[in-house]
Amino acid sequence: MAAPLELSCWGGGWGLPSVHSESLVVMAYAKFSGAPLKVNVIDNTWRGSRGDVPILTTEDDMVSQPAKILNFLRKQKYNADYELSAKQGADTLAYIALLEEKLLPAVLHTFWVESDNYFTVTKPWFASQIPFPLSLILPGRMSKGALNRILLTRGQPPLYHLREVEAQIYRDAKECLNLLSNRLGTSQFFFGDTPSTLDAYVFGFLAPLYKVRFPKVQLQEHLKQLSNLCRFCDDILSSYFRLSLGDG
């Protein structure tokens, strides 16, 4: 009998199974590939000391970071990409790199750096999931981590003033969303009728941007104009997560 697989991740709200992109990527891939994950949502009884989830725990292993977790699942024969051609596999890697370079900085900025969003939505929500006194410390640490990751992705020195790169971050992200919308077209998924790794990544990055209600919504407004990407997120939520969703 296969060892049980447990996934520790941030929980959900706003009609999402998780509001955390990297947790969502893994949760979606597990659904697409049929991997039997037991999901442990971080709550205020959590024993961890940092926000570095998702983490996959098996009988004798712990794996973190979405790409490594997905590789582990593939080795266990939970493969959402077995029907893809070599070219589609190469396209998948190229699009994931594009998402991480062009879209991720804007998603991180929207959640963790844009001050109105951070203080009215992100910080209160994450703090409510974390036990005291860690709830006072960890959201700020995660915000700093997001800022450093943005600046690293942008190739700027760590002390570079963020205002100088903000406009470019959002330009790149809108361009990336347009590209994804054009690539998806009228298809259900990016490679036809069956979801794959790329769909898990796109869903993980887009769904929180689409659903979480923020006061500052410049990227969200752009996404909502791309109706096929919104339909893509809604379809995955209703097809794969309907039974696990609360009221949000």
C-alpha atoms as a PDB file:
ATOM      1  CA  MET A   1       0.000   0.000   0.000  1.00  0.00           C
ATOM      2  CA  ALA A   2       1.332   3.452  -0.909  1.00  0.00           C
ATOM      3  CA  ALA A   3       2.619   5.683   1.865  1.00  0.00           C
ATOM      4  CA  PRO A   4       0.164   8.421   2.837  1.00  0.00           C
ATOM      5  CA  LEU A   5       0.941  11.815   1.336  1.00  0.00           C
ATOM      6  CA  GLU A   6       0.223  14.868   3.470  1.00  0.00           C
ATOM      7  CA  LEU A   7       0.319  18.435   2.187  1.00  0.00           C
ATOM      8  CA  SER A   8       0.694  21.342   4.607  1.00  0.00           C
ATOM      9  CA  CYS A   9      -0.539  24.552   3.009  1.00  0.00           C
ATOM     10  CA  TRP A  10      -2.280  27.857   3.582  1.00  0.00           C
ATOM     11  CA  GLY A  11      -6.047  27.649   3.683  1.00  0.00           C
ATOM     12  CA  GLY A  12      -8.732  29.314   1.642  1.00  0.00           C
ATOM     13  CA  GLY A  13     -11.268  32.086   1.493  1.00  0.00           C
ATOM     14  CA  TRP A  14     -13.137  34.072  -1.165  1.00  0.00           C
ATOM     15  CA  GLY A  15     -14.323  30.792  -2.704  1.00  0.00           C
ATOM     16  CA  LEU A  16     -10.775  29.418  -3.076  1.00  0.00           C
ATOM     17  CA  PRO A  17      -9.339  26.238  -1.507  1.00  0.00           C
ATOM     18  CA  SER A  18      -6.187  28.281  -0.775  1.00  0.00           C
ATOM     19  CA  VAL A  19      -5.377  31.963  -1.186  1.00  0.00           C
ATOM     20  CA  HIS A  20      -1.669  31.135  -1.556  1.00  0.00           C
ATOM     21  CA  SER A  21      -0.441  30.656  -5.137  1.00  0.00           C
ATOM     22  CA  GLU A  22       2.200  28.009  -4.467  1.00  0.00           C
ATOM     23  CA  SER A  23      -0.179  25.965  -2.300  1.00  0.00           C
ATOM     24  CA  LEU A  24      -2.814  26.187  -5.045  1.00  0.00           C
ATOM     25  CA  VAL A  25      -0.385  24.994  -7.746  1.00  0.00           C
ATOM     26  CA  VAL A  26       0.254  21.775  -5.803  1.00  0.00           C
ATOM     27  CA  MET A  27      -3.404  21.269  -4.817  1.00  0.00           C
ATOM     28  CA  ALA A  28      -4.534  21.672  -8.446  1.00  0.00           C
ATOM     29  CA  TYR A  29      -1.824  19.347  -9.793  1.00  0.00           C
ATOM     30  CA  ALA A  30      -2.799  16.684  -7.239  1.00  0.00           C
ATOM     31  CA  LYS A  31      -6.423  16.915  -8.418  1.00  0.00           C
ATOM     32  CA  PHE A  32      -5.414  16.731 -12.093  1.00  0.00           C
ATOM     33  CA  SER A  33      -3.106  13.724 -11.577  1.00  0.00           C
ATOM     34  CA  GLY A  34      -5.273  11.847  -9.067  1.00  0.00           C
ATOM     35  CA  ALA A  35      -2.660  12.011  -6.302  1.00  0.00           C
ATOM     36  CA  PRO A  36      -4.333  11.127  -2.978  1.00  0.00           C
ATOM     37  CA  LEU A  37      -3.236  14.030  -0.782  1.00  0.00           C
ATOM     38  CA  LYS A  38      -4.390  14.603   2.743  1.00  0.00           C
ATOM     39  CA  VAL A  39      -4.417  18.407   3.016  1.00  0.00           C
ATOM     40  CA  ASN A  40      -3.440  19.923   6.365  1.00  0.00           C
ATOM     41  CA  VAL A  41      -4.441  23.571   6.375  1.00  0.00           C
ATOM     42  CA  ILE A  42      -2.356  25.876   8.530  1.00  0.00           C
ATOM     43  CA  ASP A  43      -4.497  27.310  11.321  1.00  0.00           C
ATOM     44  CA  ASN A  44      -3.931  28.978  14.676  1.00  0.00           C
ATOM     45  CA  THR A  45      -2.769  25.708  16.261  1.00  0.00           C
ATOM     46  CA  TRP A  46       0.093  25.481  13.736  1.00  0.00           C
ATOM     47  CA  ARG A  47       3.482  24.407  15.105  1.00  0.00           C
ATOM     48  CA  GLY A  48       5.701  25.661  12.263  1.00  0.00           C
ATOM     49  CA  SER A  49       7.923  28.701  12.598  1.00  0.00           C
ATOM     50  CA  ARG A  50       7.991  30.005   9.041  1.00  0.00           C
ATOM     51  CA  GLY A  51       5.623  30.470   6.147  1.00  0.00           C
ATOM     52  CA  ASP A  52       7.589  28.245   3.770  1.00  0.00           C
ATOM     53  CA  VAL A  53       4.715  26.063   2.661  1.00  0.00           C
ATOM     54  CA  PRO A  54       3.521  24.054   0.782  1.00  0.00           C
ATOM     55  CA  ILE A  55       5.331  21.068   2.261  1.00  0.00           C
ATOM     56  CA  LEU A  56       4.642  17.481   1.231  1.00  0.00           C
ATOM     57  CA  THR A  57       5.260  14.898   3.953  1.00  0.00           C
ATOM     58  CA  THR A  58       5.549  11.170   3.279  1.00  0.00           C
ATOM     59  CA  GLU A  59       6.517   8.309   5.600  1.00  0.00           C
ATOM     60  CA  ASP A  60      10.213   9.090   5.202  1.00  0.00           C
ATOM     61  CA  ASP A  61      10.529  12.349   3.311  1.00  0.00           C
ATOM     62  CA  MET A  62       9.647  16.039   3.346  1.00  0.00           C
ATOM     63  CA  VAL A  63       9.523  17.973   0.080  1.00  0.00           C
ATOM     64  CA  SER A  64       8.992  21.717  -0.300  1.00  0.00           C
ATOM     65  CA  GLN A  65       8.616  24.066  -3.306  1.00  0.00           C
ATOM     66  CA  PRO A  66       5.990  23.337  -5.981  1.00  0.00           C
ATOM     67  CA  ALA A  67       8.403  22.187  -8.723  1.00  0.00           C
ATOM     68  CA  LYS A  68      10.057  19.640  -6.382  1.00  0.00           C
ATOM     69  CA  ILE A  69       6.703  18.439  -5.024  1.00  0.00           C
ATOM     70  CA  LEU A  70       5.328  17.948  -8.547  1.00  0.00           C
ATOM     71  CA  ASN A  71       8.483  16.036  -9.547  1.00  0.00           C
ATOM     72  CA  PHE A  72       8.060  13.821  -6.484  1.00  0.00           C
ATOM     73  CA  LEU A  73       4.416  13.119  -7.407  1.00  0.00           C
ATOM     74  CA  ARG A  74       5.406  12.257 -10.992  1.00  0.00           C
ATOM     75  CA  LYS A  75       7.941   9.727  -9.668  1.00  0.00           C
ATOM     76  CA  GLN A  76       5.077   8.184  -7.688  1.00  0.00           C
ATOM     77  CA  LYS A  77       3.245   7.766 -11.039  1.00  0.00           C
ATOM     78  CA  TYR A  78       0.879  10.701 -10.475  1.00  0.00           C
ATOM     79  CA  ASN A  79       1.547  12.363 -13.816  1.00  0.00           C
ATOM     80  CA  ALA A  80      -0.794  14.962 -15.314  1.00  0.00           C
ATOM     81  CA  ASP A  81       1.479  15.321 -18.379  1.00  0.00           C
ATOM     82  CA  TYR A  82       1.664  11.782 -19.746  1.00  0.00           C
ATOM     83  CA  GLU A  83      -0.349  12.720 -22.874  1.00  0.00           C
ATOM     84  CA  LEU A  84       1.845  15.725 -23.753  1.00  0.00           C
ATOM     85  CA  SER A  85       4.238  15.669 -26.701  1.00  0.00           C
ATOM     86  CA  ALA A  86       7.908  16.599 -26.286  1.00  0.00           C
ATOM     87  CA  LYS A  87       7.152  20.037 -27.734  1.00  0.00           C
ATOM     88  CA  GLN A  88       4.276  20.565 -25.301  1.00  0.00           C
ATOM     89  CA  GLY A  89       6.593  19.542 -22.457  1.00  0.00           C
ATOM     90  CA  ALA A  90       9.141  22.128 -23.616  1.00  0.00           C
ATOM     91  CA  ASP A  91       6.367  24.755 -23.950  1.00  0.00           C
ATOM     92  CA  THR A  92       5.284  23.962 -20.385  1.00  0.00           C
ATOM     93  CA  LEU A  93       8.753  24.737 -19.021  1.00  0.00           C
ATOM     94  CA  ALA A  94       8.954  27.954 -21.062  1.00  0.00           C
ATOM     95  CA  TYR A  95       5.554  29.191 -19.887  1.00  0.00           C
ATOM     96  CA  ILE A  96       6.277  28.385 -16.226  1.00  0.00           C
ATOM     97  CA  ALA A  97       9.536  30.360 -16.495  1.00  0.00           C
ATOM     98  CA  LEU A  98       7.558  33.229 -18.046  1.00  0.00           C
ATOM     99  CA  LEU A  99       4.980  33.123 -15.232  1.00  0.00           C
ATOM    100  CA  GLU A 100       7.685  33.219 -12.574  1.00  0.00           C
ATOM    101  CA  GLU A 101       9.579  36.039 -14.248  1.00  0.00           C
ATOM    102  CA  LYS A 102       6.730  38.247 -15.501  1.00  0.00           C
ATOM    103  CA  LEU A 103       3.599  37.496 -13.447  1.00  0.00           C
ATOM    104  CA  LEU A 104       4.816  36.357 -10.019  1.00  0.00           C
ATOM    105  CA  PRO A 105       6.417  39.722  -9.090  1.00  0.00           C
ATOM    106  CA  ALA A 106       3.085  41.498  -9.665  1.00  0.00           C
ATOM    107  CA  VAL A 107       1.120  38.846  -7.718  1.00  0.00           C
ATOM    108  CA  LEU A 108       3.551  39.184  -4.795  1.00  0.00           C
ATOM    109  CA  HIS A 109       3.382  42.961  -5.023  1.00  0.00           C
ATOM    110  CA  THR A 110      -0.441  42.938  -5.067  1.00  0.00           C
ATOM    111  CA  PHE A 111      -0.612  40.777  -1.920  1.00  0.00           C
ATOM    112  CA  TRP A 112       2.429  41.697   0.126  1.00  0.00           C
ATOM    113  CA  VAL A 113       3.858  45.073  -0.904  1.00  0.00           C
ATOM    114  CA  GLU A 114       0.952  47.293  -2.018  1.00  0.00           C
ATOM    115  CA  SER A 115       0.282  48.845   1.406  1.00  0.00           C
ATOM    116  CA  ASP A 116      -3.522  49.195   1.221  1.00  0.00           C
ATOM    117  CA  ASN A 117      -3.879  45.548   0.200  1.00  0.00           C
ATOM    118  CA  TYR A 118      -1.337  44.333   2.732  1.00  0.00           C
ATOM    119  CA  PHE A 119      -2.772  46.145   5.747  1.00  0.00           C
ATOM    120  CA  THR A 120      -6.478  45.646   4.996  1.00  0.00           C
ATOM    121  CA  VAL A 121      -6.478  42.132   3.473  1.00  0.00           C
ATOM    122  CA  THR A 122      -3.231  40.144   3.393  1.00  0.00           C
ATOM    123  CA  LYS A 123      -1.810  40.809   6.863  1.00  0.00           C
ATOM    124  CA  PRO A 124      -5.113  40.364   8.769  1.00  0.00           C
ATOM    125  CA  TRP A 125      -5.974  37.172   6.880  1.00  0.00           C
ATOM    126  CA  PHE A 126      -2.577  35.479   7.325  1.00  0.00           C
ATOM    127  CA  ALA A 127      -2.304  36.665  10.943  1.00  0.00           C
ATOM    128  CA  SER A 128      -5.698  35.073  11.663  1.00  0.00           C
ATOM    129  CA  GLN A 129      -4.336  31.677  10.545  1.00  0.00           C
ATOM    130  CA  ILE A 130      -1.181  31.779  12.667  1.00  0.00           C
ATOM    131  CA  PRO A 131      -0.905  31.186  16.441  1.00  0.00           C
ATOM    132  CA  PHE A 132       0.036  34.080  18.725  1.00  0.00           C
ATOM    133  CA  PRO A 133       2.744  35.445  19.099  1.00  0.00           C
ATOM    134  CA  LEU A 134       3.952  34.230  15.663  1.00  0.00           C
ATOM    135  CA  SER A 135       0.960  36.045  14.132  1.00  0.00           C
ATOM    136  CA  LEU A 136       2.637  39.345  15.094  1.00  0.00           C
ATOM    137  CA  ILE A 137       5.914  38.469  13.377  1.00  0.00           C
ATOM    138  CA  LEU A 138       5.375  36.136  10.437  1.00  0.00           C
ATOM    139  CA  PRO A 139       3.239  38.316   8.092  1.00  0.00           C
ATOM    140  CA  GLY A 140       5.896  41.059   8.225  1.00  0.00           C
ATOM    141  CA  ARG A 141       8.617  38.510   7.563  1.00  0.00           C
ATOM    142  CA  MET A 142       6.640  37.124   4.610  1.00  0.00           C
ATOM    143  CA  SER A 143       6.149  40.655   3.260  1.00  0.00           C
ATOM    144  CA  LYS A 144       9.913  41.282   3.411  1.00  0.00           C
ATOM    145  CA  GLY A 145      10.523  37.916   1.724  1.00  0.00           C
ATOM    146  CA  ALA A 146       8.093  38.829  -1.078  1.00  0.00           C
ATOM    147  CA  LEU A 147       9.804  42.192  -1.586  1.00  0.00           C
ATOM    148  CA  ASN A 148      13.239  40.543  -1.759  1.00  0.00           C
ATOM    149  CA  ARG A 149      11.937  37.974  -4.230  1.00  0.00           C
ATOM    150  CA  ILE A 150      10.475  40.721  -6.439  1.00  0.00           C
ATOM    151  CA  LEU A 151      13.735  42.654  -6.461  1.00  0.00           C
ATOM    152  CA  LEU A 152      15.722  39.485  -7.112  1.00  0.00           C
ATOM    153  CA  THR A 153      13.434  38.574 -10.045  1.00  0.00           C
ATOM    154  CA  ARG A 154      13.761  42.085 -11.410  1.00  0.00           C
ATOM    155  CA  GLY A 155      17.545  41.814 -11.201  1.00  0.00           C
ATOM    156  CA  GLN A 156      17.795  44.916  -9.029  1.00  0.00           C
ATOM    157  CA  PRO A 157      20.114  45.414  -6.062  1.00  0.00           C
ATOM    158  CA  PRO A 158      18.238  44.630  -2.806  1.00  0.00           C
ATOM    159  CA  LEU A 159      18.202  48.285  -1.717  1.00  0.00           C
ATOM    160  CA  TYR A 160      16.866  49.563  -5.039  1.00  0.00           C
ATOM    161  CA  HIS A 161      13.806  51.769  -4.602  1.00  0.00           C
ATOM    162  CA  LEU A 162      10.734  49.704  -5.450  1.00  0.00           C
ATOM    163  CA  ARG A 163       8.783  52.645  -6.922  1.00  0.00           C
ATOM    164  CA  GLU A 164      11.241  52.672  -9.814  1.00  0.00           C
ATOM    165  CA  VAL A 165      10.387  49.095 -10.783  1.00  0.00           C
ATOM    166  CA  GLU A 166       6.655  49.013  -9.884  1.00  0.00           C
ATOM    167  CA  ALA A 167       5.390  50.378 -13.193  1.00  0.00           C
ATOM    168  CA  GLN A 168       7.515  47.873 -15.125  1.00  0.00           C
ATOM    169  CA  ILE A 169       6.331  44.993 -12.907  1.00  0.00           C
ATOM    170  CA  TYR A 170       2.691  45.714 -13.764  1.00  0.00           C
ATOM    171  CA  ARG A 171       3.420  46.275 -17.461  1.00  0.00           C
ATOM    172  CA  ASP A 172       5.163  42.904 -17.636  1.00  0.00           C
ATOM    173  CA  ALA A 173       2.322  41.196 -15.761  1.00  0.00           C
ATOM    174  CA  LYS A 174      -0.388  42.615 -18.042  1.00  0.00           C
ATOM    175  CA  GLU A 175       1.626  41.561 -21.087  1.00  0.00           C
ATOM    176  CA  CYS A 176       1.949  38.058 -19.596  1.00  0.00           C
ATOM    177  CA  LEU A 177      -1.818  37.865 -18.937  1.00  0.00           C
ATOM    178  CA  ASN A 178      -2.515  38.908 -22.541  1.00  0.00           C
ATOM    179  CA  LEU A 179      -0.128  36.226 -23.781  1.00  0.00           C
ATOM    180  CA  LEU A 180      -1.810  33.551 -21.636  1.00  0.00           C
ATOM    181  CA  SER A 181      -5.250  34.658 -22.834  1.00  0.00           C
ATOM    182  CA  ASN A 182      -4.150  34.442 -26.482  1.00  0.00           C
ATOM    183  CA  ARG A 183      -2.536  31.035 -25.906  1.00  0.00           C
ATOM    184  CA  LEU A 184      -5.631  29.607 -24.181  1.00  0.00           C
ATOM    185  CA  GLY A 185      -8.055  30.983 -26.779  1.00  0.00           C
ATOM    186  CA  THR A 186     -11.333  29.056 -26.642  1.00  0.00           C
ATOM    187  CA  SER A 187      -9.744  25.817 -25.353  1.00  0.00           C
ATOM    188  CA  GLN A 188     -10.753  24.432 -21.988  1.00  0.00           C
ATOM    189  CA  PHE A 189      -7.122  23.929 -20.955  1.00  0.00           C
ATOM    190  CA  PHE A 190      -3.764  25.016 -22.371  1.00  0.00           C
ATOM    191  CA  PHE A 191      -3.165  21.730 -24.210  1.00  0.00           C
ATOM    192  CA  GLY A 192      -6.719  20.814 -25.131  1.00  0.00           C
ATOM    193  CA  ASP A 193      -9.296  18.927 -23.046  1.00  0.00           C
ATOM    194  CA  THR A 194      -7.086  17.575 -20.258  1.00  0.00           C
ATOM    195  CA  PRO A 195      -5.417  19.691 -17.538  1.00  0.00           C
ATOM    196  CA  SER A 196      -1.642  19.452 -17.114  1.00  0.00           C
ATOM    197  CA  THR A 197       1.186  20.984 -15.088  1.00  0.00           C
ATOM    198  CA  LEU A 198       0.902  24.280 -16.952  1.00  0.00           C
ATOM    199  CA  ASP A 199      -2.787  24.552 -16.071  1.00  0.00           C
ATOM    200  CA  ALA A 200      -1.947  23.970 -12.396  1.00  0.00           C
ATOM    201  CA  TYR A 201       0.609  26.793 -12.442  1.00  0.00           C
ATOM    202  CA  VAL A 202      -1.607  29.243 -14.336  1.00  0.00           C
ATOM    203  CA  PHE A 203      -4.541  28.467 -12.022  1.00  0.00           C
ATOM    204  CA  GLY A 204      -2.363  28.828  -8.912  1.00  0.00           C
ATOM    205  CA  PHE A 205      -1.094  32.240 -10.008  1.00  0.00           C
ATOM    206  CA  LEU A 206      -4.378  33.598 -11.390  1.00  0.00           C
ATOM    207  CA  ALA A 207      -7.103  32.363  -9.040  1.00  0.00           C
ATOM    208  CA  PRO A 208      -6.054  34.409  -5.953  1.00  0.00           C
ATOM    209  CA  LEU A 209      -5.585  37.475  -8.152  1.00  0.00           C
ATOM    210  CA  TYR A 210      -9.042  36.909  -9.615  1.00  0.00           C
ATOM    211  CA  LYS A 211     -11.001  36.108  -6.432  1.00  0.00           C
ATOM    212  CA  VAL A 212      -9.485  37.886  -3.414  1.00  0.00           C
ATOM    213  CA  ARG A 213     -11.213  41.209  -2.787  1.00  0.00           C
ATOM    214  CA  PHE A 214      -8.556  43.922  -2.573  1.00  0.00           C
ATOM    215  CA  PRO A 215      -8.908  47.720  -2.288  1.00  0.00           C
ATOM    216  CA  LYS A 216      -6.178  48.219  -4.955  1.00  0.00           C
ATOM    217  CA  VAL A 217      -7.026  46.116  -7.987  1.00  0.00           C
ATOM    218  CA  GLN A 218      -5.109  47.340 -11.036  1.00  0.00           C
ATOM    219  CA  LEU A 219      -3.934  43.878 -12.113  1.00  0.00           C
ATOM    220  CA  GLN A 220      -7.231  42.277 -11.054  1.00  0.00           C
ATOM    221  CA  GLU A 221      -9.139  44.696 -13.285  1.00  0.00           C
ATOM    222  CA  HIS A 222      -6.971  43.748 -16.245  1.00  0.00           C
ATOM    223  CA  LEU A 223      -7.453  40.023 -15.552  1.00  0.00           C
ATOM    224  CA  LYS A 224     -11.240  40.443 -15.352  1.00  0.00           C
ATOM    225  CA  GLN A 225     -11.246  41.889 -18.870  1.00  0.00           C
ATOM    226  CA  LEU A 226      -9.765  38.593 -20.149  1.00  0.00           C
ATOM    227  CA  SER A 227     -12.927  36.521 -19.907  1.00  0.00           C
ATOM    228  CA  ASN A 228     -11.370  33.231 -21.053  1.00  0.00           C
ATOM    229  CA  LEU A 229      -8.830  33.294 -18.188  1.00  0.00           C
ATOM    230  CA  CYS A 230     -11.618  34.005 -15.674  1.00  0.00           C
ATOM    231  CA  ARG A 231     -13.696  31.162 -17.144  1.00  0.00           C
ATOM    232  CA  PHE A 232     -10.617  28.900 -16.908  1.00  0.00           C
ATOM    233  CA  CYS A 233     -10.325  29.627 -13.154  1.00  0.00           C
ATOM    234  CA  ASP A 234     -14.070  29.219 -12.566  1.00  0.00           C
ATOM    235  CA  ASP A 235     -14.156  25.906 -14.455  1.00  0.00           C
ATOM    236  CA  ILE A 236     -11.295  24.427 -12.416  1.00  0.00           C
ATOM    237  CA  LEU A 237     -12.869  25.599  -9.149  1.00  0.00           C
ATOM    238  CA  SER A 238     -16.252  24.108 -10.001  1.00  0.00           C
ATOM    239  CA  SER A 239     -14.914  20.873 -11.563  1.00  0.00           C
ATOM    240  CA  TYR A 240     -12.125  19.987  -9.136  1.00  0.00           C
ATOM    241  CA  PHE A 241     -12.712  21.845  -5.867  1.00  0.00           C
ATOM    242  CA  ARG A 242     -16.494  22.152  -5.534  1.00  0.00           C
ATOM    243  CA  LEU A 243     -16.834  19.543  -2.784  1.00  0.00           C
ATOM    244  CA  SER A 244     -13.920  20.895  -0.745  1.00  0.00           C
ATOM    245  CA  LEU A 245     -14.967  24.534  -0.833  1.00  0.00           C
ATOM    246  CA  GLY A 246     -16.606  26.286   2.075  1.00  0.00           C
ATOM    247  CA  ASP A 247     -18.595  29.463   1.673  1.00  0.00           C
ATOM    248  CA  GLY A 248     -15.361  31.502   1.446  1.00  0.00           C
END
